[in-house]
């Protein structure tokens, strides 16, 4: 199967086709979901709570998000991968980002 693009997802929406999407944080689950036919995989900033044991999703750093996004991206051949930006650097100030 060919790698999907954002344009492909937009066309699917225009055509009224269902888009299968899920959240994942790591390589092996990304592989399983991709093989199952998921169209869109999202790496949420909730990876901080769910995989790193942080108290809130606001504690995740850009470096930690990059690591999770790289793992998921390496696990897919077809699905589009979307990665959240962590709350802190985006919300505090342009300098903090």
Foldseek 3Di string as FASTA:
>chain_A
DAADDVVNVVVCVVVVHDAAEEEDQAQVVLLVCQVVPHAEYEHELCCCVVPVVDPGSLPDAQVSQVVRQVRNVVNHRHHHYHYDHHDPQVPPDVVSD
